[in-house]
Amino acid sequence: MKDLSNGKLVEILLVEDSPTDVMMTREALAYHKVMNPLHVVEDGVSAIEYLLSKAAEDPIRLPGLIILDLNLPRKSGREVLKEIKDHSRLMRIPVVVLTTSKAEEDVIKSYGLHANCYITKPVDFSKFIDVVRAINDFWFGVVTLPV
């Protein structure tokens, strides 16, 4: 997806502590020829630090989409989601929760914290590729994102 203000591709922030899931996400994006830059952080503290530094230096350069795992070290995905949605400069960034949890409590809590969608990670790589394609098609093909 392009940033309408300057024609550049918007960044995707992936907050994921599993190197395997990071690799699968990179491969799935490459497979579907998604050209958006992907920035990866491995824990919740790093995610918030990264977002706050971007917001302070140039809010226009904030990621256009955040893909967030719930089970993170140092600060959980739920805590990260709450901080993002409580922050005036970050709250408009769509957050896709992509996690292994199928627990109804996690789904309800994530939507209560204003997640934009909740997706359970498939274990099978071909299904994972389909999920990434669906995320790309919806968020970068159908939806109009704020710039």
C-alpha atoms as a PDB file:
ATOM      1  CA  MET A   1       0.000   0.000   0.000  1.00  0.00           C
ATOM      2  CA  LYS A   2       1.253   3.452  -0.798  1.00  0.00           C
ATOM      3  CA  ASP A   3       1.302   6.407   1.538  1.00  0.00           C
ATOM      4  CA  LEU A   4      -0.878   8.898  -0.303  1.00  0.00           C
ATOM      5  CA  SER A   5       1.093  11.879   0.984  1.00  0.00           C
ATOM      6  CA  ASN A   6       4.309  11.007  -0.825  1.00  0.00           C
ATOM      7  CA  GLY A   7       3.777   7.878  -2.938  1.00  0.00           C
ATOM      8  CA  LYS A   8       6.047   5.697  -0.767  1.00  0.00           C
ATOM      9  CA  LEU A   9       5.067   2.288   0.514  1.00  0.00           C
ATOM     10  CA  VAL A  10       3.917   2.271   4.120  1.00  0.00           C
ATOM     11  CA  GLU A  11       5.733   0.150   6.647  1.00  0.00           C
ATOM     12  CA  ILE A  12       4.377  -2.974   8.311  1.00  0.00           C
ATOM     13  CA  LEU A  13       5.497  -3.482  11.901  1.00  0.00           C
ATOM     14  CA  LEU A  14       5.649  -7.144  12.892  1.00  0.00           C
ATOM     15  CA  VAL A  15       5.804  -7.715  16.646  1.00  0.00           C
ATOM     16  CA  GLU A  16       6.798 -11.369  16.911  1.00  0.00           C
ATOM     17  CA  ASP A  17       9.264 -13.243  19.118  1.00  0.00           C
ATOM     18  CA  SER A  18       9.357 -16.512  17.159  1.00  0.00           C
ATOM     19  CA  PRO A  19      12.146 -16.518  14.543  1.00  0.00           C
ATOM     20  CA  THR A  20      10.240 -19.232  12.654  1.00  0.00           C
ATOM     21  CA  ASP A  21       7.081 -17.108  12.481  1.00  0.00           C
ATOM     22  CA  VAL A  22       9.107 -14.071  11.409  1.00  0.00           C
ATOM     23  CA  MET A  23      10.719 -16.136   8.636  1.00  0.00           C
ATOM     24  CA  MET A  24       7.334 -17.527   7.549  1.00  0.00           C
ATOM     25  CA  THR A  25       5.849 -14.012   7.474  1.00  0.00           C
ATOM     26  CA  ARG A  26       8.750 -12.709   5.365  1.00  0.00           C
ATOM     27  CA  GLU A  27       8.419 -15.642   2.980  1.00  0.00           C
ATOM     28  CA  ALA A  28       4.652 -15.255   2.702  1.00  0.00           C
ATOM     29  CA  LEU A  29       4.973 -11.511   1.974  1.00  0.00           C
ATOM     30  CA  ALA A  30       7.637 -12.223  -0.642  1.00  0.00           C
ATOM     31  CA  TYR A  31       5.514 -15.006  -2.162  1.00  0.00           C
ATOM     32  CA  HIS A  32       2.652 -12.554  -2.644  1.00  0.00           C
ATOM     33  CA  LYS A  33       5.023  -9.826  -3.854  1.00  0.00           C
ATOM     34  CA  VAL A  34       4.135  -7.467  -1.023  1.00  0.00           C
ATOM     35  CA  MET A  35       6.714  -4.712  -1.376  1.00  0.00           C
ATOM     36  CA  ASN A  36       5.932  -2.808   1.824  1.00  0.00           C
ATOM     37  CA  PRO A  37       8.923  -2.493   4.121  1.00  0.00           C
ATOM     38  CA  LEU A  38       8.700  -4.865   7.082  1.00  0.00           C
ATOM     39  CA  HIS A  39      10.204  -3.879  10.420  1.00  0.00           C
ATOM     40  CA  VAL A  40      10.399  -6.619  13.050  1.00  0.00           C
ATOM     41  CA  VAL A  41      10.671  -6.267  16.817  1.00  0.00           C
ATOM     42  CA  GLU A  42      10.892  -9.280  19.116  1.00  0.00           C
ATOM     43  CA  ASP A  43       9.165  -8.117  22.285  1.00  0.00           C
ATOM     44  CA  GLY A  44       6.540  -5.744  23.608  1.00  0.00           C
ATOM     45  CA  VAL A  45       8.945  -3.248  25.164  1.00  0.00           C
ATOM     46  CA  SER A  46      10.828  -2.887  21.876  1.00  0.00           C
ATOM     47  CA  ALA A  47       7.543  -2.432  20.002  1.00  0.00           C
ATOM     48  CA  ILE A  48       6.437   0.477  22.189  1.00  0.00           C
ATOM     49  CA  GLU A  49       9.914   2.058  22.155  1.00  0.00           C
ATOM     50  CA  TYR A  50      10.027   1.831  18.354  1.00  0.00           C
ATOM     51  CA  LEU A  51       6.547   3.303  17.911  1.00  0.00           C
ATOM     52  CA  LEU A  52       7.125   6.144  20.374  1.00  0.00           C
ATOM     53  CA  SER A  53      10.450   7.060  18.747  1.00  0.00           C
ATOM     54  CA  LYS A  54       8.783   7.113  15.311  1.00  0.00           C
ATOM     55  CA  ALA A  55       5.874   9.194  16.665  1.00  0.00           C
ATOM     56  CA  ALA A  56       8.309  11.693  18.218  1.00  0.00           C
ATOM     57  CA  GLU A  57      10.584  12.075  15.183  1.00  0.00           C
ATOM     58  CA  ASP A  58       8.007  12.122  12.389  1.00  0.00           C
ATOM     59  CA  PRO A  59       4.423  10.911  12.888  1.00  0.00           C
ATOM     60  CA  ILE A  60       3.976  10.612   9.133  1.00  0.00           C
ATOM     61  CA  ARG A  61       6.557   7.803   9.147  1.00  0.00           C
ATOM     62  CA  LEU A  62       4.597   5.625  11.575  1.00  0.00           C
ATOM     63  CA  PRO A  63       3.843   2.094  10.367  1.00  0.00           C
ATOM     64  CA  GLY A  64       0.638   1.786   8.371  1.00  0.00           C
ATOM     65  CA  LEU A  65      -0.182  -1.603   9.890  1.00  0.00           C
ATOM     66  CA  ILE A  66       0.909  -3.528  12.973  1.00  0.00           C
ATOM     67  CA  ILE A  67       0.818  -7.326  13.080  1.00  0.00           C
ATOM     68  CA  LEU A  68       0.951  -8.254  16.750  1.00  0.00           C
ATOM     69  CA  ASP A  69       1.491 -11.547  18.529  1.00  0.00           C
ATOM     70  CA  LEU A  70      -0.102 -11.765  21.985  1.00  0.00           C
ATOM     71  CA  ASN A  71       2.484 -13.959  23.683  1.00  0.00           C
ATOM     72  CA  LEU A  72       5.566 -11.770  23.868  1.00  0.00           C
ATOM     73  CA  PRO A  73       8.448 -11.432  26.318  1.00  0.00           C
ATOM     74  CA  ARG A  74       8.979  -8.337  28.499  1.00  0.00           C
ATOM     75  CA  LYS A  75       5.512  -6.905  27.749  1.00  0.00           C
ATOM     76  CA  SER A  76       2.557  -8.928  26.490  1.00  0.00           C
ATOM     77  CA  GLY A  77       0.765  -8.225  23.236  1.00  0.00           C
ATOM     78  CA  ARG A  78      -2.300  -7.229  25.251  1.00  0.00           C
ATOM     79  CA  GLU A  79      -0.268  -4.567  27.070  1.00  0.00           C
ATOM     80  CA  VAL A  80       1.203  -3.363  23.764  1.00  0.00           C
ATOM     81  CA  LEU A  81      -2.264  -3.179  22.200  1.00  0.00           C
ATOM     82  CA  LYS A  82      -3.603  -1.176  25.141  1.00  0.00           C
ATOM     83  CA  GLU A  83      -0.702   1.295  24.991  1.00  0.00           C
ATOM     84  CA  ILE A  84      -1.089   1.742  21.236  1.00  0.00           C
ATOM     85  CA  LYS A  85      -4.827   2.364  21.431  1.00  0.00           C
ATOM     86  CA  ASP A  86      -4.449   4.710  24.435  1.00  0.00           C
ATOM     87  CA  HIS A  87      -1.830   6.887  22.694  1.00  0.00           C
ATOM     88  CA  SER A  88      -3.170   9.814  20.663  1.00  0.00           C
ATOM     89  CA  ARG A  89      -0.589   9.477  17.862  1.00  0.00           C
ATOM     90  CA  LEU A  90      -0.633   5.679  17.654  1.00  0.00           C
ATOM     91  CA  MET A  91      -4.311   4.841  18.119  1.00  0.00           C
ATOM     92  CA  ARG A  92      -5.207   5.147  14.423  1.00  0.00           C
ATOM     93  CA  ILE A  93      -2.722   2.491  13.315  1.00  0.00           C
ATOM     94  CA  PRO A  94      -4.637  -0.698  12.537  1.00  0.00           C
ATOM     95  CA  VAL A  95      -3.526  -3.621  14.689  1.00  0.00           C
ATOM     96  CA  VAL A  96      -3.976  -7.166  13.429  1.00  0.00           C
ATOM     97  CA  VAL A  97      -3.600  -9.665  16.250  1.00  0.00           C
ATOM     98  CA  LEU A  98      -1.987 -12.765  14.738  1.00  0.00           C
ATOM     99  CA  THR A  99      -1.485 -15.365  17.436  1.00  0.00           C
ATOM    100  CA  THR A 100      -1.638 -19.073  18.180  1.00  0.00           C
ATOM    101  CA  SER A 101      -4.331 -18.616  20.825  1.00  0.00           C
ATOM    102  CA  LYS A 102      -7.861 -19.701  19.993  1.00  0.00           C
ATOM    103  CA  ALA A 103      -9.062 -18.904  23.517  1.00  0.00           C
ATOM    104  CA  GLU A 104     -12.342 -16.992  23.515  1.00  0.00           C
ATOM    105  CA  GLU A 105     -11.037 -14.894  26.413  1.00  0.00           C
ATOM    106  CA  ASP A 106      -8.105 -13.691  24.279  1.00  0.00           C
ATOM    107  CA  VAL A 107     -10.400 -12.847  21.378  1.00  0.00           C
ATOM    108  CA  ILE A 108     -12.814 -10.901  23.593  1.00  0.00           C
ATOM    109  CA  LYS A 109     -10.035  -9.104  25.457  1.00  0.00           C
ATOM    110  CA  SER A 110      -8.236  -8.164  22.200  1.00  0.00           C
ATOM    111  CA  TYR A 111     -11.367  -6.645  20.684  1.00  0.00           C
ATOM    112  CA  GLY A 112     -12.062  -4.939  24.006  1.00  0.00           C
ATOM    113  CA  LEU A 113      -8.633  -3.322  23.681  1.00  0.00           C
ATOM    114  CA  HIS A 114      -9.624  -2.170  20.165  1.00  0.00           C
ATOM    115  CA  ALA A 115      -7.753  -4.661  18.002  1.00  0.00           C
ATOM    116  CA  ASN A 116      -8.842  -4.191  14.401  1.00  0.00           C
ATOM    117  CA  CYS A 117      -8.992  -7.924  13.813  1.00  0.00           C
ATOM    118  CA  TYR A 118      -7.995 -11.199  15.451  1.00  0.00           C
ATOM    119  CA  ILE A 119      -6.550 -14.085  13.462  1.00  0.00           C
ATOM    120  CA  THR A 120      -5.382 -17.442  14.768  1.00  0.00           C
ATOM    121  CA  LYS A 121      -2.080 -18.487  13.183  1.00  0.00           C
ATOM    122  CA  PRO A 122      -2.373 -21.621  11.113  1.00  0.00           C
ATOM    123  CA  VAL A 123       0.298 -24.239  11.751  1.00  0.00           C
ATOM    124  CA  ASP A 124       0.426 -25.343   8.108  1.00  0.00           C
ATOM    125  CA  PHE A 125       2.702 -23.090   6.010  1.00  0.00           C
ATOM    126  CA  SER A 126       0.421 -23.075   2.947  1.00  0.00           C
ATOM    127  CA  LYS A 127      -2.481 -21.922   5.128  1.00  0.00           C
ATOM    128  CA  PHE A 128      -0.214 -19.349   6.756  1.00  0.00           C
ATOM    129  CA  ILE A 129       0.593 -17.986   3.276  1.00  0.00           C
ATOM    130  CA  ASP A 130      -3.160 -17.733   2.613  1.00  0.00           C
ATOM    131  CA  VAL A 131      -3.656 -15.779   5.857  1.00  0.00           C
ATOM    132  CA  VAL A 132      -0.885 -13.324   4.978  1.00  0.00           C
ATOM    133  CA  ARG A 133      -2.386 -12.900   1.505  1.00  0.00           C
ATOM    134  CA  ALA A 134      -5.779 -12.182   3.061  1.00  0.00           C
ATOM    135  CA  ILE A 135      -4.235  -9.613   5.429  1.00  0.00           C
ATOM    136  CA  ASN A 136      -2.480  -7.955   2.498  1.00  0.00           C
ATOM    137  CA  ASP A 137      -5.527  -8.016   0.236  1.00  0.00           C
ATOM    138  CA  PHE A 138      -7.814  -6.568   2.884  1.00  0.00           C
ATOM    139  CA  TRP A 139      -5.591  -3.960   4.548  1.00  0.00           C
ATOM    140  CA  PHE A 140      -3.719  -2.866   1.416  1.00  0.00           C
ATOM    141  CA  GLY A 141      -6.329  -3.548  -1.256  1.00  0.00           C
ATOM    142  CA  VAL A 142      -9.772  -2.891   0.208  1.00  0.00           C
ATOM    143  CA  VAL A 143      -9.356  -0.617   3.212  1.00  0.00           C
ATOM    144  CA  THR A 144      -8.479   3.072   3.080  1.00  0.00           C
ATOM    145  CA  LEU A 145      -5.917   3.690   5.793  1.00  0.00           C
ATOM    146  CA  PRO A 146      -5.253   7.049   7.441  1.00  0.00           C
ATOM    147  CA  VAL A 147      -2.100   8.797   6.270  1.00  0.00           C
END
